[in-house]
Amino acid sequence: MIVLCTYSLQESRTVDMIDVARAHQCTIALRNGNWEFIETPELKQAKREIRRLNSALDILSKPFPGH
């Protein structure tokens, strides 16, 4: 499921925007005319763990020499 939450910058304080970014796994924000994708540290760690496990699976899925 993908959910889009929008917030008015004119009605929000900086601390509110930080709280919103922390409450979601990722945030997309328009900054200086460019869109930025902001991830939480937990999401970044989960992606690293997935890459690590995929690498281990790649190694284990290959036949061992002589077997």
PDB file of N, CA and C in Angstrom:
ATOM      1  N   MET A   1       0.837  -1.148   0.000  1.00  0.00           N
ATOM      2  CA  MET A   1       0.000   0.000   0.000  1.00  0.00           C
ATOM      3  C   MET A   1       0.902   1.237   0.000  1.00  0.00           C
ATOM      4  N   ILE A   2       0.574   2.177  -0.826  1.00  0.00           N
ATOM      5  CA  ILE A   2       1.282   3.456  -0.851  1.00  0.00           C
ATOM      6  C   ILE A   2       0.293   4.527  -0.425  1.00  0.00           C
ATOM      7  N   VAL A   3       0.706   5.320   0.536  1.00  0.00           N
ATOM      8  CA  VAL A   3      -0.150   6.385   1.053  1.00  0.00           C
ATOM      9  C   VAL A   3       0.587   7.697   0.898  1.00  0.00           C
ATOM     10  N   LEU A   4      -0.106   8.693   0.453  1.00  0.00           N
ATOM     11  CA  LEU A   4       0.482  10.012   0.294  1.00  0.00           C
ATOM     12  C   LEU A   4      -0.070  10.923   1.380  1.00  0.00           C
ATOM     13  N   CYS A   5       0.808  11.484   2.173  1.00  0.00           N
ATOM     14  CA  CYS A   5       0.431  12.452   3.192  1.00  0.00           C
ATOM     15  C   CYS A   5       0.979  13.803   2.758  1.00  0.00           C
ATOM     16  N   THR A   6       0.169  14.811   2.772  1.00  0.00           N
ATOM     17  CA  THR A   6       0.636  16.144   2.394  1.00  0.00           C
ATOM     18  C   THR A   6       0.482  17.085   3.584  1.00  0.00           C
ATOM     19  N   TYR A   7       1.374  18.026   3.674  1.00  0.00           N
ATOM     20  CA  TYR A   7       1.376  18.974   4.781  1.00  0.00           C
ATOM     21  C   TYR A   7       1.664  20.370   4.230  1.00  0.00           C
ATOM     22  N   SER A   8       0.967  21.327   4.744  1.00  0.00           N
ATOM     23  CA  SER A   8       1.177  22.704   4.325  1.00  0.00           C
ATOM     24  C   SER A   8       2.389  23.280   5.048  1.00  0.00           C
ATOM     25  N   LEU A   9       3.367  23.719   4.293  1.00  0.00           N
ATOM     26  CA  LEU A   9       4.549  24.311   4.906  1.00  0.00           C
ATOM     27  C   LEU A   9       4.228  25.646   5.560  1.00  0.00           C
ATOM     28  N   GLN A  10       3.255  26.353   5.015  1.00  0.00           N
ATOM     29  CA  GLN A  10       2.884  27.650   5.585  1.00  0.00           C
ATOM     30  C   GLN A  10       2.227  27.502   6.946  1.00  0.00           C
ATOM     31  N   GLU A  11       1.592  26.357   7.184  1.00  0.00           N
ATOM     32  CA  GLU A  11       0.882  26.127   8.448  1.00  0.00           C
ATOM     33  C   GLU A  11       1.719  25.348   9.456  1.00  0.00           C
ATOM     34  N   SER A  12       2.916  24.911   9.070  1.00  0.00           N
ATOM     35  CA  SER A  12       3.719  24.044   9.927  1.00  0.00           C
ATOM     36  C   SER A  12       5.008  24.721  10.369  1.00  0.00           C
ATOM     37  N   ARG A  13       5.446  24.316  11.560  1.00  0.00           N
ATOM     38  CA  ARG A  13       6.740  24.778  12.058  1.00  0.00           C
ATOM     39  C   ARG A  13       7.810  23.779  11.639  1.00  0.00           C
ATOM     40  N   THR A  14       9.048  24.172  11.743  1.00  0.00           N
ATOM     41  CA  THR A  14      10.160  23.288  11.375  1.00  0.00           C
ATOM     42  C   THR A  14      10.116  22.001  12.178  1.00  0.00           C
ATOM     43  N   VAL A  15       9.870  22.102  13.458  1.00  0.00           N
ATOM     44  CA  VAL A  15       9.824  20.918  14.312  1.00  0.00           C
ATOM     45  C   VAL A  15       8.709  19.970  13.860  1.00  0.00           C
ATOM     46  N   ASP A  16       7.610  20.509  13.343  1.00  0.00           N
ATOM     47  CA  ASP A  16       6.534  19.663  12.824  1.00  0.00           C
ATOM     48  C   ASP A  16       7.008  18.864  11.614  1.00  0.00           C
ATOM     49  N   MET A  17       7.754  19.500  10.730  1.00  0.00           N
ATOM     50  CA  MET A  17       8.253  18.817   9.534  1.00  0.00           C
ATOM     51  C   MET A  17       9.248  17.716   9.903  1.00  0.00           C
ATOM     52  N   ILE A  18      10.071  17.964  10.900  1.00  0.00           N
ATOM     53  CA  ILE A  18      11.017  16.938  11.360  1.00  0.00           C
ATOM     54  C   ILE A  18      10.260  15.757  11.938  1.00  0.00           C
ATOM     55  N   ASP A  19       9.224  16.032  12.728  1.00  0.00           N
ATOM     56  CA  ASP A  19       8.410  14.952  13.295  1.00  0.00           C
ATOM     57  C   ASP A  19       7.735  14.129  12.196  1.00  0.00           C
ATOM     58  N   VAL A  20       7.251  14.789  11.172  1.00  0.00           N
ATOM     59  CA  VAL A  20       6.609  14.085  10.056  1.00  0.00           C
ATOM     60  C   VAL A  20       7.623  13.182   9.359  1.00  0.00           C
ATOM     61  N   ALA A  21       8.799  13.695   9.082  1.00  0.00           N
ATOM     62  CA  ALA A  21       9.829  12.899   8.407  1.00  0.00           C
ATOM     63  C   ALA A  21      10.225  11.685   9.241  1.00  0.00           C
ATOM     64  N   ARG A  22      10.290  11.838  10.544  1.00  0.00           N
ATOM     65  CA  ARG A  22      10.661  10.718  11.423  1.00  0.00           C
ATOM     66  C   ARG A  22       9.547   9.686  11.529  1.00  0.00           C
ATOM     67  N   ALA A  23       8.296  10.128  11.426  1.00  0.00           N
ATOM     68  CA  ALA A  23       7.149   9.230  11.594  1.00  0.00           C
ATOM     69  C   ALA A  23       6.937   8.328  10.380  1.00  0.00           C
ATOM     70  N   HIS A  24       7.494   8.695   9.242  1.00  0.00           N
ATOM     71  CA  HIS A  24       7.319   7.926   8.012  1.00  0.00           C
ATOM     72  C   HIS A  24       8.640   7.253   7.639  1.00  0.00           C
ATOM     73  N   GLN A  25       8.556   6.150   6.902  1.00  0.00           N
ATOM     74  CA  GLN A  25       9.780   5.452   6.489  1.00  0.00           C
ATOM     75  C   GLN A  25      10.583   6.282   5.504  1.00  0.00           C
ATOM     76  N   CYS A  26       9.893   7.048   4.713  1.00  0.00           N
ATOM     77  CA  CYS A  26      10.587   7.917   3.769  1.00  0.00           C
ATOM     78  C   CYS A  26       9.741   9.162   3.529  1.00  0.00           C
ATOM     79  N   THR A  27      10.412  10.189   3.084  1.00  0.00           N
ATOM     80  CA  THR A  27       9.759  11.461   2.822  1.00  0.00           C
ATOM     81  C   THR A  27      10.303  12.006   1.510  1.00  0.00           C
ATOM     82  N   ILE A  28       9.418  12.580   0.725  1.00  0.00           N
ATOM     83  CA  ILE A  28       9.836  13.252  -0.496  1.00  0.00           C
ATOM     84  C   ILE A  28       9.499  14.723  -0.306  1.00  0.00           C
ATOM     85  N   ALA A  29      10.503  15.559  -0.489  1.00  0.00           N
ATOM     86  CA  ALA A  29      10.312  16.992  -0.237  1.00  0.00           C
ATOM     87  C   ALA A  29      10.864  17.797  -1.409  1.00  0.00           C
ATOM     88  N   LEU A  30      10.189  18.879  -1.713  1.00  0.00           N
ATOM     89  CA  LEU A  30      10.660  19.803  -2.740  1.00  0.00           C
ATOM     90  C   LEU A  30      11.536  20.836  -2.049  1.00  0.00           C
ATOM     91  N   ARG A  31      12.813  20.869  -2.449  1.00  0.00           N
ATOM     92  CA  ARG A  31      13.775  21.772  -1.813  1.00  0.00           C
ATOM     93  C   ARG A  31      14.547  22.504  -2.904  1.00  0.00           C
ATOM     94  N   ASN A  32      14.448  23.806  -2.896  1.00  0.00           N
ATOM     95  CA  ASN A  32      15.126  24.638  -3.895  1.00  0.00           C
ATOM     96  C   ASN A  32      14.802  24.199  -5.322  1.00  0.00           C
ATOM     97  N   GLY A  33      13.558  23.812  -5.545  1.00  0.00           N
ATOM     98  CA  GLY A  33      13.122  23.421  -6.879  1.00  0.00           C
ATOM     99  C   GLY A  33      13.440  21.994  -7.270  1.00  0.00           C
ATOM    100  N   ASN A  34      14.079  21.231  -6.385  1.00  0.00           N
ATOM    101  CA  ASN A  34      14.438  19.836  -6.660  1.00  0.00           C
ATOM    102  C   ASN A  34      13.767  18.915  -5.646  1.00  0.00           C
ATOM    103  N   TRP A  35      13.308  17.760  -6.123  1.00  0.00           N
ATOM    104  CA  TRP A  35      12.708  16.776  -5.235  1.00  0.00           C
ATOM    105  C   TRP A  35      13.810  15.966  -4.559  1.00  0.00           C
ATOM    106  N   GLU A  36      13.693  15.790  -3.249  1.00  0.00           N
ATOM    107  CA  GLU A  36      14.653  14.995  -2.480  1.00  0.00           C
ATOM    108  C   GLU A  36      13.928  13.842  -1.803  1.00  0.00           C
ATOM    109  N   PHE A  37      14.549  12.669  -1.859  1.00  0.00           N
ATOM    110  CA  PHE A  37      14.034  11.472  -1.202  1.00  0.00           C
ATOM    111  C   PHE A  37      14.798  11.305   0.105  1.00  0.00           C
ATOM    112  N   ILE A  38      14.103  11.351   1.221  1.00  0.00           N
ATOM    113  CA  ILE A  38      14.735  11.290   2.538  1.00  0.00           C
ATOM    114  C   ILE A  38      14.292   9.996   3.226  1.00  0.00           C
ATOM    115  N   GLU A  39      15.258   9.176   3.619  1.00  0.00           N
ATOM    116  CA  GLU A  39      14.962   7.911   4.283  1.00  0.00           C
ATOM    117  C   GLU A  39      15.297   7.994   5.760  1.00  0.00           C
ATOM    118  N   THR A  40      14.562   7.246   6.568  1.00  0.00           N
ATOM    119  CA  THR A  40      14.887   7.152   7.988  1.00  0.00           C
ATOM    120  C   THR A  40      16.112   6.245   8.146  1.00  0.00           C
ATOM    121  N   PRO A  41      16.839   6.391   9.235  1.00  0.00           N
ATOM    122  CA  PRO A  41      17.980   5.490   9.481  1.00  0.00           C
ATOM    123  C   PRO A  41      17.551   4.018   9.515  1.00  0.00           C
ATOM    124  N   GLU A  42      16.352   3.749  10.014  1.00  0.00           N
ATOM    125  CA  GLU A  42      15.867   2.371  10.080  1.00  0.00           C
ATOM    126  C   GLU A  42      15.670   1.791   8.678  1.00  0.00           C
ATOM    127  N   LEU A  43      15.137   2.583   7.751  1.00  0.00           N
ATOM    128  CA  LEU A  43      14.957   2.110   6.385  1.00  0.00           C
ATOM    129  C   LEU A  43      16.301   1.879   5.711  1.00  0.00           C
ATOM    130  N   LYS A  44      17.249   2.764   5.934  1.00  0.00           N
ATOM    131  CA  LYS A  44      18.586   2.581   5.369  1.00  0.00           C
ATOM    132  C   LYS A  44      19.221   1.294   5.896  1.00  0.00           C
ATOM    133  N   GLN A  45      19.079   1.030   7.188  1.00  0.00           N
ATOM    134  CA  GLN A  45      19.627  -0.189   7.790  1.00  0.00           C
ATOM    135  C   GLN A  45      18.942  -1.422   7.211  1.00  0.00           C
ATOM    136  N   ALA A  46      17.638  -1.364   7.034  1.00  0.00           N
ATOM    137  CA  ALA A  46      16.910  -2.499   6.461  1.00  0.00           C
ATOM    138  C   ALA A  46      17.384  -2.782   5.041  1.00  0.00           C
ATOM    139  N   LYS A  47      17.622  -1.756   4.250  1.00  0.00           N
ATOM    140  CA  LYS A  47      18.124  -1.942   2.885  1.00  0.00           C
ATOM    141  C   LYS A  47      19.519  -2.565   2.892  1.00  0.00           C
ATOM    142  N   ARG A  48      20.371  -2.128   3.820  1.00  0.00           N
ATOM    143  CA  ARG A  48      21.714  -2.718   3.926  1.00  0.00           C
ATOM    144  C   ARG A  48      21.615  -4.203   4.283  1.00  0.00           C
ATOM    145  N   GLU A  49      20.727  -4.539   5.201  1.00  0.00           N
ATOM    146  CA  GLU A  49      20.555  -5.931   5.622  1.00  0.00           C
ATOM    147  C   GLU A  49      20.020  -6.776   4.465  1.00  0.00           C
ATOM    148  N   ILE A  50      19.106  -6.249   3.696  1.00  0.00           N
ATOM    149  CA  ILE A  50      18.584  -6.976   2.533  1.00  0.00           C
ATOM    150  C   ILE A  50      19.702  -7.236   1.526  1.00  0.00           C
ATOM    151  N   ARG A  51      20.535  -6.228   1.271  1.00  0.00           N
ATOM    152  CA  ARG A  51      21.664  -6.422   0.340  1.00  0.00           C
ATOM    153  C   ARG A  51      22.621  -7.491   0.872  1.00  0.00           C
ATOM    154  N   ARG A  52      22.896  -7.464   2.180  1.00  0.00           N
ATOM    155  CA  ARG A  52      23.799  -8.443   2.785  1.00  0.00           C
ATOM    156  C   ARG A  52      23.230  -9.850   2.648  1.00  0.00           C
ATOM    157  N   LEU A  53      21.951 -10.007   2.933  1.00  0.00           N
ATOM    158  CA  LEU A  53      21.321 -11.326   2.839  1.00  0.00           C
ATOM    159  C   LEU A  53      21.235 -11.804   1.396  1.00  0.00           C
ATOM    160  N   ASN A  54      20.975 -10.899   0.471  1.00  0.00           N
ATOM    161  CA  ASN A  54      20.951 -11.278  -0.945  1.00  0.00           C
ATOM    162  C   ASN A  54      22.324 -11.744  -1.407  1.00  0.00           C
ATOM    163  N   SER A  55      23.378 -11.088  -0.929  1.00  0.00           N
ATOM    164  CA  SER A  55      24.736 -11.508  -1.280  1.00  0.00           C
ATOM    165  C   SER A  55      25.017 -12.909  -0.742  1.00  0.00           C
ATOM    166  N   ALA A  56      24.604 -13.167   0.490  1.00  0.00           N
ATOM    167  CA  ALA A  56      24.803 -14.492   1.085  1.00  0.00           C
ATOM    168  C   ALA A  56      24.005 -15.535   0.309  1.00  0.00           C
ATOM    169  N   LEU A  57      22.794 -15.209  -0.091  1.00  0.00           N
ATOM    170  CA  LEU A  57      21.963 -16.137  -0.862  1.00  0.00           C
ATOM    171  C   LEU A  57      22.599 -16.436  -2.214  1.00  0.00           C
ATOM    172  N   ASP A  58      23.175 -15.422  -2.858  1.00  0.00           N
ATOM    173  CA  ASP A  58      23.868 -15.629  -4.134  1.00  0.00           C
ATOM    174  C   ASP A  58      25.015 -16.619  -3.972  1.00  0.00           C
ATOM    175  N   ILE A  59      25.782 -16.454  -2.908  1.00  0.00           N
ATOM    176  CA  ILE A  59      26.926 -17.344  -2.663  1.00  0.00           C
ATOM    177  C   ILE A  59      26.442 -18.761  -2.385  1.00  0.00           C
ATOM    178  N   LEU A  60      25.418 -18.889  -1.542  1.00  0.00           N
ATOM    179  CA  LEU A  60      24.938 -20.218  -1.155  1.00  0.00           C
ATOM    180  C   LEU A  60      24.188 -20.932  -2.277  1.00  0.00           C
ATOM    181  N   SER A  61      23.676 -20.195  -3.247  1.00  0.00           N
ATOM    182  CA  SER A  61      22.910 -20.821  -4.327  1.00  0.00           C
ATOM    183  C   SER A  61      23.804 -21.391  -5.440  1.00  0.00           C
ATOM    184  N   LYS A  62      25.098 -21.077  -5.396  1.00  0.00           N
ATOM    185  CA  LYS A  62      26.026 -21.597  -6.391  1.00  0.00           C
ATOM    186  C   LYS A  62      26.527 -22.967  -5.960  1.00  0.00           C
ATOM    187  N   PRO A  63      26.717 -23.880  -6.917  1.00  0.00           N
ATOM    188  CA  PRO A  63      27.218 -25.208  -6.539  1.00  0.00           C
ATOM    189  C   PRO A  63      28.650 -25.122  -6.015  1.00  0.00           C
ATOM    190  N   PHE A  64      28.935 -25.979  -5.055  1.00  0.00           N
ATOM    191  CA  PHE A  64      30.280 -26.047  -4.505  1.00  0.00           C
ATOM    192  C   PHE A  64      31.167 -26.837  -5.450  1.00  0.00           C
ATOM    193  N   PRO A  65      32.416 -26.427  -5.620  1.00  0.00           N
ATOM    194  CA  PRO A  65      33.323 -27.179  -6.492  1.00  0.00           C
ATOM    195  C   PRO A  65      33.457 -28.624  -6.030  1.00  0.00           C
ATOM    196  N   GLY A  66      33.326 -29.558  -6.974  1.00  0.00           N
ATOM    197  CA  GLY A  66      33.488 -30.967  -6.666  1.00  0.00           C
ATOM    198  C   GLY A  66      32.230 -31.638  -6.128  1.00  0.00           C
ATOM    199  N   HIS A  67      31.150 -30.932  -6.041  1.00  0.00           N
ATOM    200  CA  HIS A  67      29.910 -31.536  -5.514  1.00  0.00           C
ATOM    201  C   HIS A  67      28.785 -31.371  -6.499  1.00  0.00           C
TER     202      HIS A  67
END
